[in-house]
Amino acid sequence: MRLEAVGRRYGARGPWVLRGVDLDVPGGQVLRVEGANGSGKSTVLRILAGIDRPTTGRVSGRPRTAYVPERFPPALPFDAHGYLVHLGRVHGLGGRTAARRAERWLECFGIAGYARTPLAQLSKGTCQKVAVAQALVAEPELLVLDEAWTGLDEDARAVLDDAVRARSAAGGTVVFVDHDPRRLAADTTAAHRVQDARLVPVPPDAAGGPRVVIEATGGGVPPAGLAYEPAAPGTLQVTVPAAESDAVLRRLLAAAPPWHIRSVRPAQPPTEPA
């Protein structure tokens, strides 16, 4: 998928929310979009998802896409299960497949007991779980998440984190916005910032700060998307910002078979040339 010279303004004389945006969205990636409140992050995601059309420029190659909006409208004439099945059918699934996947995701998010509850009667947190589940039912090639973790409990956030990794490992692409800078830090392959109506790449180490080296042995195939260096036969080293180390450790320990952590030590800063 590609955005070429994309611009967006609301009204013929309104200010440009986006202007001159060029972006390649390859498969198998996890892309983060950053920016201040009101900068245009949601507009970028809506254009990627096909919910909004650019005023200028071109979007090409959009794959099968699912979208979780910033605000989920619960006043819809469905119960939770019926809504998921309906959205699955919209994405081209057969009725039985849509129902099976709906039941699976309701169970994963711990809300199977609300399957027949009208959306309008659900709590805000449960509604958010349904909003996320409807996108995952489709198993999309492009998953667009606009602050989808907001309102979820800790267990549900972990389920969504794992779902993002699964989509990426399956060759899909995930584009997301989230207020927590640590969200999927170890899985994000690129980040872009909306600034002054432009989309600017964020350097990988722009945040700076201390880094650590994780050395692990055993295991099988390293987790998808994890940048590492082979240290010795059966051993790998991963160098990451210290703030991201817990997430990387969890991924290594949860691999099948798991990796055994030999050491976690501060990374040596690069030496200055004499």
C-alpha atoms as a PDB file:
ATOM      1  CA  MET A   1       0.000   0.000   0.000  1.00  0.00           C
ATOM      2  CA  ARG A   2       1.240   3.492  -0.765  1.00  0.00           C
ATOM      3  CA  LEU A   3       0.218   7.080  -0.030  1.00  0.00           C
ATOM      4  CA  GLU A   4       1.487   9.590  -2.586  1.00  0.00           C
ATOM      5  CA  ALA A   5       1.355  13.380  -1.996  1.00  0.00           C
ATOM      6  CA  VAL A   6      -1.732  12.917   0.181  1.00  0.00           C
ATOM      7  CA  GLY A   7      -3.337  16.015   1.662  1.00  0.00           C
ATOM      8  CA  ARG A   8      -6.509  16.516   3.676  1.00  0.00           C
ATOM      9  CA  ARG A   9      -8.450  19.621   4.570  1.00  0.00           C
ATOM     10  CA  TYR A  10     -12.032  19.982   5.782  1.00  0.00           C
ATOM     11  CA  GLY A  11     -13.823  22.638   3.776  1.00  0.00           C
ATOM     12  CA  ALA A  12     -12.609  24.474   0.705  1.00  0.00           C
ATOM     13  CA  ARG A  13     -10.858  27.119   2.811  1.00  0.00           C
ATOM     14  CA  GLY A  14     -10.089  25.089   5.902  1.00  0.00           C
ATOM     15  CA  PRO A  15      -6.523  24.630   7.131  1.00  0.00           C
ATOM     16  CA  TRP A  16      -4.562  21.641   5.872  1.00  0.00           C
ATOM     17  CA  VAL A  17      -4.624  18.813   8.411  1.00  0.00           C
ATOM     18  CA  LEU A  18      -2.223  16.821   6.221  1.00  0.00           C
ATOM     19  CA  ARG A  19      -0.178  17.920   3.250  1.00  0.00           C
ATOM     20  CA  GLY A  20       2.293  16.208   0.947  1.00  0.00           C
ATOM     21  CA  VAL A  21       2.243  12.876   2.788  1.00  0.00           C
ATOM     22  CA  ASP A  22       4.211  10.061   1.154  1.00  0.00           C
ATOM     23  CA  LEU A  23       4.186   6.703   2.926  1.00  0.00           C
ATOM     24  CA  ASP A  24       4.923   3.110   1.989  1.00  0.00           C
ATOM     25  CA  VAL A  25       3.036   0.518   4.043  1.00  0.00           C
ATOM     26  CA  PRO A  26       4.727  -2.866   3.408  1.00  0.00           C
ATOM     27  CA  GLY A  27       3.459  -6.229   4.588  1.00  0.00           C
ATOM     28  CA  GLY A  28       4.553  -7.821   7.847  1.00  0.00           C
ATOM     29  CA  GLN A  29       5.214  -4.507   9.581  1.00  0.00           C
ATOM     30  CA  VAL A  30       4.065  -2.784  12.760  1.00  0.00           C
ATOM     31  CA  LEU A  31       3.959   0.987  12.214  1.00  0.00           C
ATOM     32  CA  ARG A  32       3.384   3.567  14.933  1.00  0.00           C
ATOM     33  CA  VAL A  33       1.948   7.032  14.240  1.00  0.00           C
ATOM     34  CA  GLU A  34       2.801   9.725  16.803  1.00  0.00           C
ATOM     35  CA  GLY A  35       1.939  13.378  17.279  1.00  0.00           C
ATOM     36  CA  ALA A  36       0.379  15.930  19.591  1.00  0.00           C
ATOM     37  CA  ASN A  37      -3.361  15.935  20.270  1.00  0.00           C
ATOM     38  CA  GLY A  38      -5.156  17.352  17.260  1.00  0.00           C
ATOM     39  CA  SER A  39      -2.126  17.021  14.996  1.00  0.00           C
ATOM     40  CA  GLY A  40      -3.867  14.750  12.491  1.00  0.00           C
ATOM     41  CA  LYS A  41      -2.963  11.230  13.677  1.00  0.00           C
ATOM     42  CA  SER A  42      -6.546   9.984  13.419  1.00  0.00           C
ATOM     43  CA  THR A  43      -6.866  11.518   9.963  1.00  0.00           C
ATOM     44  CA  VAL A  44      -3.837   9.511   8.805  1.00  0.00           C
ATOM     45  CA  LEU A  45      -5.375   6.317  10.165  1.00  0.00           C
ATOM     46  CA  ARG A  46      -8.796   7.027   8.666  1.00  0.00           C
ATOM     47  CA  ILE A  47      -7.245   7.581   5.252  1.00  0.00           C
ATOM     48  CA  LEU A  48      -5.217   4.372   5.570  1.00  0.00           C
ATOM     49  CA  ALA A  49      -8.366   2.478   6.521  1.00  0.00           C
ATOM     50  CA  GLY A  50     -10.396   3.980   3.665  1.00  0.00           C
ATOM     51  CA  ILE A  51     -12.839   5.650   6.070  1.00  0.00           C
ATOM     52  CA  ASP A  52     -11.765   9.112   4.895  1.00  0.00           C
ATOM     53  CA  ARG A  53     -10.685  10.261   1.436  1.00  0.00           C
ATOM     54  CA  PRO A  54      -7.750  12.560   0.813  1.00  0.00           C
ATOM     55  CA  THR A  55      -8.412  15.989  -0.629  1.00  0.00           C
ATOM     56  CA  THR A  56      -5.319  15.698  -2.796  1.00  0.00           C
ATOM     57  CA  GLY A  57      -2.952  12.881  -3.691  1.00  0.00           C
ATOM     58  CA  ARG A  58      -3.441   9.180  -4.215  1.00  0.00           C
ATOM     59  CA  VAL A  59      -3.810   5.997  -2.156  1.00  0.00           C
ATOM     60  CA  SER A  60      -3.040   2.752  -3.969  1.00  0.00           C
ATOM     61  CA  GLY A  61      -2.818  -0.929  -3.152  1.00  0.00           C
ATOM     62  CA  ARG A  62      -5.031  -0.928  -0.070  1.00  0.00           C
ATOM     63  CA  PRO A  63      -5.383  -4.570   1.083  1.00  0.00           C
ATOM     64  CA  ARG A  64      -8.290  -6.077   2.977  1.00  0.00           C
ATOM     65  CA  THR A  65      -8.546  -3.746   5.955  1.00  0.00           C
ATOM     66  CA  ALA A  66     -10.137  -3.655   9.409  1.00  0.00           C
ATOM     67  CA  TYR A  67     -10.311  -0.546  11.585  1.00  0.00           C
ATOM     68  CA  VAL A  68     -10.829   0.142  15.286  1.00  0.00           C
ATOM     69  CA  PRO A  69     -11.953   3.769  15.697  1.00  0.00           C
ATOM     70  CA  GLU A  70     -11.019   6.056  18.555  1.00  0.00           C
ATOM     71  CA  ARG A  71     -14.663   6.106  19.646  1.00  0.00           C
ATOM     72  CA  PHE A  72     -16.940   3.101  19.208  1.00  0.00           C
ATOM     73  CA  PRO A  73     -20.637   3.911  18.588  1.00  0.00           C
ATOM     74  CA  PRO A  74     -22.550   1.489  20.851  1.00  0.00           C
ATOM     75  CA  ALA A  75     -26.015   2.640  19.703  1.00  0.00           C
ATOM     76  CA  LEU A  76     -26.260  -0.039  17.023  1.00  0.00           C
ATOM     77  CA  PRO A  77     -29.116  -2.554  16.620  1.00  0.00           C
ATOM     78  CA  PHE A  78     -27.037  -5.633  17.486  1.00  0.00           C
ATOM     79  CA  ASP A  79     -26.035  -7.748  20.411  1.00  0.00           C
ATOM     80  CA  ALA A  80     -22.291  -8.373  20.813  1.00  0.00           C
ATOM     81  CA  HIS A  81     -22.221 -11.722  19.007  1.00  0.00           C
ATOM     82  CA  GLY A  82     -24.527 -10.549  16.240  1.00  0.00           C
ATOM     83  CA  TYR A  83     -22.395  -7.479  15.605  1.00  0.00           C
ATOM     84  CA  LEU A  84     -19.217  -9.532  15.258  1.00  0.00           C
ATOM     85  CA  VAL A  85     -20.911 -11.981  12.902  1.00  0.00           C
ATOM     86  CA  HIS A  86     -22.331  -9.096  10.852  1.00  0.00           C
ATOM     87  CA  LEU A  87     -18.909  -7.464  10.475  1.00  0.00           C
ATOM     88  CA  GLY A  88     -17.402 -10.839   9.611  1.00  0.00           C
ATOM     89  CA  ARG A  89     -19.962 -11.229   6.817  1.00  0.00           C
ATOM     90  CA  VAL A  90     -19.184  -7.704   5.609  1.00  0.00           C
ATOM     91  CA  HIS A  91     -15.560  -8.829   5.270  1.00  0.00           C
ATOM     92  CA  GLY A  92     -16.650 -11.779   3.149  1.00  0.00           C
ATOM     93  CA  LEU A  93     -16.692 -14.588   5.723  1.00  0.00           C
ATOM     94  CA  GLY A  94     -19.275 -17.333   5.604  1.00  0.00           C
ATOM     95  CA  GLY A  95     -21.842 -17.388   8.374  1.00  0.00           C
ATOM     96  CA  ARG A  96     -20.383 -20.370  10.226  1.00  0.00           C
ATOM     97  CA  THR A  97     -16.833 -19.062  10.010  1.00  0.00           C
ATOM     98  CA  ALA A  98     -17.912 -15.620  11.208  1.00  0.00           C
ATOM     99  CA  ALA A  99     -19.829 -17.141  14.126  1.00  0.00           C
ATOM    100  CA  ARG A 100     -16.916 -19.376  15.109  1.00  0.00           C
ATOM    101  CA  ARG A 101     -14.449 -16.499  15.078  1.00  0.00           C
ATOM    102  CA  ALA A 102     -16.872 -14.270  16.956  1.00  0.00           C
ATOM    103  CA  GLU A 103     -17.194 -16.853  19.721  1.00  0.00           C
ATOM    104  CA  ARG A 104     -13.417 -17.260  19.851  1.00  0.00           C
ATOM    105  CA  TRP A 105     -12.712 -13.549  20.305  1.00  0.00           C
ATOM    106  CA  LEU A 106     -15.510 -13.045  22.808  1.00  0.00           C
ATOM    107  CA  GLU A 107     -13.902 -15.830  24.815  1.00  0.00           C
ATOM    108  CA  CYS A 108     -10.382 -14.403  24.396  1.00  0.00           C
ATOM    109  CA  PHE A 109     -11.491 -11.041  25.759  1.00  0.00           C
ATOM    110  CA  GLY A 110     -13.429 -12.619  28.620  1.00  0.00           C
ATOM    111  CA  ILE A 111     -16.842 -11.352  27.512  1.00  0.00           C
ATOM    112  CA  ALA A 112     -18.501 -14.544  26.242  1.00  0.00           C
ATOM    113  CA  GLY A 113     -21.158 -14.026  28.892  1.00  0.00           C
ATOM    114  CA  TYR A 114     -22.249 -10.833  27.119  1.00  0.00           C
ATOM    115  CA  ALA A 115     -22.642 -12.437  23.687  1.00  0.00           C
ATOM    116  CA  ARG A 116     -26.411 -11.844  23.594  1.00  0.00           C
ATOM    117  CA  THR A 117     -26.369  -8.477  25.357  1.00  0.00           C
ATOM    118  CA  PRO A 118     -27.377  -5.474  23.201  1.00  0.00           C
ATOM    119  CA  LEU A 119     -24.437  -3.190  22.517  1.00  0.00           C
ATOM    120  CA  ALA A 120     -26.267  -0.230  24.062  1.00  0.00           C
ATOM    121  CA  GLN A 121     -26.391  -2.074  27.402  1.00  0.00           C
ATOM    122  CA  LEU A 122     -22.696  -2.901  27.603  1.00  0.00           C
ATOM    123  CA  SER A 123     -20.218  -1.026  29.771  1.00  0.00           C
ATOM    124  CA  LYS A 124     -17.694   1.234  28.054  1.00  0.00           C
ATOM    125  CA  GLY A 125     -14.881  -1.263  28.648  1.00  0.00           C
ATOM    126  CA  THR A 126     -16.878  -4.189  27.268  1.00  0.00           C
ATOM    127  CA  CYS A 127     -17.897  -2.115  24.244  1.00  0.00           C
ATOM    128  CA  GLN A 128     -14.229  -1.429  23.582  1.00  0.00           C
ATOM    129  CA  LYS A 129     -13.481  -5.146  23.646  1.00  0.00           C
ATOM    130  CA  VAL A 130     -16.239  -5.708  21.085  1.00  0.00           C
ATOM    131  CA  ALA A 131     -14.814  -2.889  18.959  1.00  0.00           C
ATOM    132  CA  VAL A 132     -11.408  -4.573  18.931  1.00  0.00           C
ATOM    133  CA  ALA A 133     -12.864  -8.050  18.387  1.00  0.00           C
ATOM    134  CA  GLN A 134     -14.779  -6.962  15.273  1.00  0.00           C
ATOM    135  CA  ALA A 135     -11.501  -6.048  13.581  1.00  0.00           C
ATOM    136  CA  LEU A 136      -9.747  -9.254  14.620  1.00  0.00           C
ATOM    137  CA  VAL A 137     -12.593 -11.484  13.407  1.00  0.00           C
ATOM    138  CA  ALA A 138     -11.713 -10.486   9.850  1.00  0.00           C
ATOM    139  CA  GLU A 139      -8.026 -11.507  10.138  1.00  0.00           C
ATOM    140  CA  PRO A 140      -7.241  -8.486   7.937  1.00  0.00           C
ATOM    141  CA  GLU A 141      -4.157  -7.837   5.847  1.00  0.00           C
ATOM    142  CA  LEU A 142      -4.103  -4.282   7.223  1.00  0.00           C
ATOM    143  CA  LEU A 143      -5.186  -3.677  10.820  1.00  0.00           C
ATOM    144  CA  VAL A 144      -5.620  -0.006  11.778  1.00  0.00           C
ATOM    145  CA  LEU A 145      -5.873   0.740  15.515  1.00  0.00           C
ATOM    146  CA  ASP A 146      -6.720   4.244  16.734  1.00  0.00           C
ATOM    147  CA  GLU A 147      -6.043   4.196  20.496  1.00  0.00           C
ATOM    148  CA  ALA A 148      -7.616   0.742  20.611  1.00  0.00           C
ATOM    149  CA  TRP A 149      -6.021  -0.072  24.006  1.00  0.00           C
ATOM    150  CA  THR A 150      -7.773   2.820  25.759  1.00  0.00           C
ATOM    151  CA  GLY A 151     -10.468   1.500  28.083  1.00  0.00           C
ATOM    152  CA  LEU A 152      -9.204  -2.085  28.047  1.00  0.00           C
ATOM    153  CA  ASP A 153      -8.138  -3.871  31.220  1.00  0.00           C
ATOM    154  CA  GLU A 154      -4.635  -5.293  31.543  1.00  0.00           C
ATOM    155  CA  ASP A 155      -5.560  -8.794  30.367  1.00  0.00           C
ATOM    156  CA  ALA A 156      -7.383  -7.465  27.312  1.00  0.00           C
ATOM    157  CA  ARG A 157      -4.445  -5.229  26.421  1.00  0.00           C
ATOM    158  CA  ALA A 158      -2.180  -8.279  26.482  1.00  0.00           C
ATOM    159  CA  VAL A 159      -4.614 -10.140  24.204  1.00  0.00           C
ATOM    160  CA  LEU A 160      -4.524  -7.252  21.721  1.00  0.00           C
ATOM    161  CA  ASP A 161      -0.718  -7.051  21.904  1.00  0.00           C
ATOM    162  CA  ASP A 162      -0.501 -10.750  21.046  1.00  0.00           C
ATOM    163  CA  ALA A 163      -3.036 -10.335  18.222  1.00  0.00           C
ATOM    164  CA  VAL A 164      -0.911  -7.569  16.692  1.00  0.00           C
ATOM    165  CA  ARG A 165       2.152  -9.827  16.789  1.00  0.00           C
ATOM    166  CA  ALA A 166       0.168 -12.657  15.204  1.00  0.00           C
ATOM    167  CA  ARG A 167      -1.039 -10.407  12.367  1.00  0.00           C
ATOM    168  CA  SER A 168       2.516  -9.252  11.697  1.00  0.00           C
ATOM    169  CA  ALA A 169       3.908 -12.792  11.837  1.00  0.00           C
ATOM    170  CA  ALA A 170       1.251 -13.868   9.324  1.00  0.00           C
ATOM    171  CA  GLY A 171       2.456 -11.186   6.889  1.00  0.00           C
ATOM    172  CA  GLY A 172      -0.158  -8.567   7.720  1.00  0.00           C
ATOM    173  CA  THR A 173       0.511  -4.945   8.589  1.00  0.00           C
ATOM    174  CA  VAL A 174      -0.598  -3.093  11.711  1.00  0.00           C
ATOM    175  CA  VAL A 175      -0.709   0.698  11.959  1.00  0.00           C
ATOM    176  CA  PHE A 176      -1.517   2.089  15.376  1.00  0.00           C
ATOM    177  CA  VAL A 177      -1.778   5.161  17.589  1.00  0.00           C
ATOM    178  CA  ASP A 178      -1.442   4.862  21.363  1.00  0.00           C
ATOM    179  CA  HIS A 179      -0.638   7.306  24.160  1.00  0.00           C
ATOM    180  CA  ASP A 180       1.742   4.870  25.886  1.00  0.00           C
ATOM    181  CA  PRO A 181       5.208   5.235  24.301  1.00  0.00           C
ATOM    182  CA  ARG A 182       6.059   1.720  25.501  1.00  0.00           C
ATOM    183  CA  ARG A 183       3.183   0.120  23.593  1.00  0.00           C
ATOM    184  CA  LEU A 184       4.596  -2.607  21.313  1.00  0.00           C
ATOM    185  CA  ALA A 185       7.993  -0.906  21.518  1.00  0.00           C
ATOM    186  CA  ALA A 186       9.867  -4.142  20.869  1.00  0.00           C
ATOM    187  CA  ASP A 187       7.613  -5.021  17.929  1.00  0.00           C
ATOM    188  CA  THR A 188       7.378  -1.670  16.143  1.00  0.00           C
ATOM    189  CA  THR A 189       9.342  -1.688  12.904  1.00  0.00           C
ATOM    190  CA  ALA A 190       8.943   2.019  12.084  1.00  0.00           C
ATOM    191  CA  ALA A 191       7.403   5.163  13.548  1.00  0.00           C
ATOM    192  CA  HIS A 192       6.193   8.385  11.956  1.00  0.00           C
ATOM    193  CA  ARG A 193       5.242  11.683  13.583  1.00  0.00           C
ATOM    194  CA  VAL A 194       2.536  14.056  12.351  1.00  0.00           C
ATOM    195  CA  GLN A 195       4.027  17.530  12.666  1.00  0.00           C
ATOM    196  CA  ASP A 196       2.924  20.752  10.963  1.00  0.00           C
ATOM    197  CA  ALA A 197       0.598  18.737   8.679  1.00  0.00           C
ATOM    198  CA  ARG A 198       3.530  16.589   7.502  1.00  0.00           C
ATOM    199  CA  LEU A 199       4.359  12.952   8.261  1.00  0.00           C
ATOM    200  CA  VAL A 200       7.957  12.746   9.444  1.00  0.00           C
ATOM    201  CA  PRO A 201       9.910   9.497  10.055  1.00  0.00           C
ATOM    202  CA  VAL A 202      11.031   9.050  13.669  1.00  0.00           C
ATOM    203  CA  PRO A 203      14.634   7.827  13.997  1.00  0.00           C
ATOM    204  CA  PRO A 204      14.788   4.449  15.814  1.00  0.00           C
ATOM    205  CA  ASP A 205      16.772   5.832  18.759  1.00  0.00           C
ATOM    206  CA  ALA A 206      15.259   9.298  18.868  1.00  0.00           C
ATOM    207  CA  ALA A 207      14.154   8.805  22.447  1.00  0.00           C
ATOM    208  CA  GLY A 208      17.726   8.160  23.599  1.00  0.00           C
ATOM    209  CA  GLY A 209      18.224   6.871  27.105  1.00  0.00           C
ATOM    210  CA  PRO A 210      20.047   3.825  28.448  1.00  0.00           C
ATOM    211  CA  ARG A 211      20.117   0.555  26.521  1.00  0.00           C
ATOM    212  CA  VAL A 212      20.580  -3.024  27.662  1.00  0.00           C
ATOM    213  CA  VAL A 213      21.893  -6.218  26.079  1.00  0.00           C
ATOM    214  CA  ILE A 214      19.822  -9.375  26.584  1.00  0.00           C
ATOM    215  CA  GLU A 215      21.629 -12.664  25.977  1.00  0.00           C
ATOM    216  CA  ALA A 216      19.498 -15.790  25.578  1.00  0.00           C
ATOM    217  CA  THR A 217      20.134 -19.435  24.694  1.00  0.00           C
ATOM    218  CA  GLY A 218      18.136 -22.410  23.484  1.00  0.00           C
ATOM    219  CA  GLY A 219      14.729 -21.741  22.016  1.00  0.00           C
ATOM    220  CA  GLY A 220      13.955 -22.197  18.362  1.00  0.00           C
ATOM    221  CA  VAL A 221      13.174 -19.457  15.869  1.00  0.00           C
ATOM    222  CA  PRO A 222      13.518 -15.972  17.436  1.00  0.00           C
ATOM    223  CA  PRO A 223      10.214 -14.049  17.768  1.00  0.00           C
ATOM    224  CA  ALA A 224       9.113 -12.414  14.521  1.00  0.00           C
ATOM    225  CA  GLY A 225      10.342  -8.864  14.006  1.00  0.00           C
ATOM    226  CA  LEU A 226      12.945  -9.034  16.787  1.00  0.00           C
ATOM    227  CA  ALA A 227      16.291  -7.586  15.731  1.00  0.00           C
ATOM    228  CA  TYR A 228      19.144  -9.694  17.171  1.00  0.00           C
ATOM    229  CA  GLU A 229      22.744 -10.704  16.678  1.00  0.00           C
ATOM    230  CA  PRO A 230      23.950 -14.328  16.878  1.00  0.00           C
ATOM    231  CA  ALA A 231      26.547 -14.528  19.664  1.00  0.00           C
ATOM    232  CA  ALA A 232      27.429 -18.256  19.584  1.00  0.00           C
ATOM    233  CA  PRO A 233      25.730 -21.447  18.417  1.00  0.00           C
ATOM    234  CA  GLY A 234      22.254 -21.463  19.971  1.00  0.00           C
ATOM    235  CA  THR A 235      22.766 -18.015  21.519  1.00  0.00           C
ATOM    236  CA  LEU A 236      21.474 -14.601  20.525  1.00  0.00           C
ATOM    237  CA  GLN A 237      21.952 -11.048  21.766  1.00  0.00           C
ATOM    238  CA  VAL A 238      19.289  -8.352  21.626  1.00  0.00           C
ATOM    239  CA  THR A 239      20.149  -4.698  22.293  1.00  0.00           C
ATOM    240  CA  VAL A 240      17.130  -2.544  23.164  1.00  0.00           C
ATOM    241  CA  PRO A 241      16.267   0.598  25.124  1.00  0.00           C
ATOM    242  CA  ALA A 242      16.040  -0.264  28.823  1.00  0.00           C
ATOM    243  CA  ALA A 243      12.388   0.812  28.886  1.00  0.00           C
ATOM    244  CA  GLU A 244      11.577  -1.895  26.320  1.00  0.00           C
ATOM    245  CA  SER A 245      13.512  -4.738  27.936  1.00  0.00           C
ATOM    246  CA  ASP A 246      10.568  -6.189  29.897  1.00  0.00           C
ATOM    247  CA  ALA A 247       8.524  -6.572  26.710  1.00  0.00           C
ATOM    248  CA  VAL A 248      11.411  -8.303  24.916  1.00  0.00           C
ATOM    249  CA  LEU A 249      12.021 -10.643  27.847  1.00  0.00           C
ATOM    250  CA  ARG A 250       8.346 -11.630  27.868  1.00  0.00           C
ATOM    251  CA  ARG A 251       8.466 -12.420  24.153  1.00  0.00           C
ATOM    252  CA  LEU A 252      11.573 -14.592  24.506  1.00  0.00           C
ATOM    253  CA  LEU A 253      10.177 -16.471  27.498  1.00  0.00           C
ATOM    254  CA  ALA A 254       6.808 -16.990  25.789  1.00  0.00           C
ATOM    255  CA  ALA A 255       8.315 -18.390  22.574  1.00  0.00           C
ATOM    256  CA  ALA A 256       7.738 -22.044  21.714  1.00  0.00           C
ATOM    257  CA  PRO A 257      10.154 -23.459  22.744  1.00  0.00           C
ATOM    258  CA  PRO A 258      11.122 -20.694  25.175  1.00  0.00           C
ATOM    259  CA  TRP A 259      14.486 -18.975  25.251  1.00  0.00           C
ATOM    260  CA  HIS A 260      16.527 -19.119  28.445  1.00  0.00           C
ATOM    261  CA  ILE A 261      17.798 -15.744  29.611  1.00  0.00           C
ATOM    262  CA  ARG A 262      21.507 -15.895  30.420  1.00  0.00           C
ATOM    263  CA  SER A 263      22.087 -12.244  31.248  1.00  0.00           C
ATOM    264  CA  VAL A 264      20.733  -8.711  31.051  1.00  0.00           C
ATOM    265  CA  ARG A 265      23.447  -6.083  31.210  1.00  0.00           C
ATOM    266  CA  PRO A 266      23.874  -2.400  30.343  1.00  0.00           C
ATOM    267  CA  ALA A 267      25.017  -1.784  26.788  1.00  0.00           C
ATOM    268  CA  GLN A 268      28.384  -0.142  26.476  1.00  0.00           C
ATOM    269  CA  PRO A 269      28.137   3.305  24.932  1.00  0.00           C
ATOM    270  CA  PRO A 270      29.961   3.700  21.624  1.00  0.00           C
ATOM    271  CA  THR A 271      33.523   4.903  22.028  1.00  0.00           C
ATOM    272  CA  GLU A 272      34.512   8.258  20.615  1.00  0.00           C
ATOM    273  CA  PRO A 273      37.195   8.201  17.937  1.00  0.00           C
ATOM    274  CA  ALA A 274      40.618   9.289  19.175  1.00  0.00           C
END
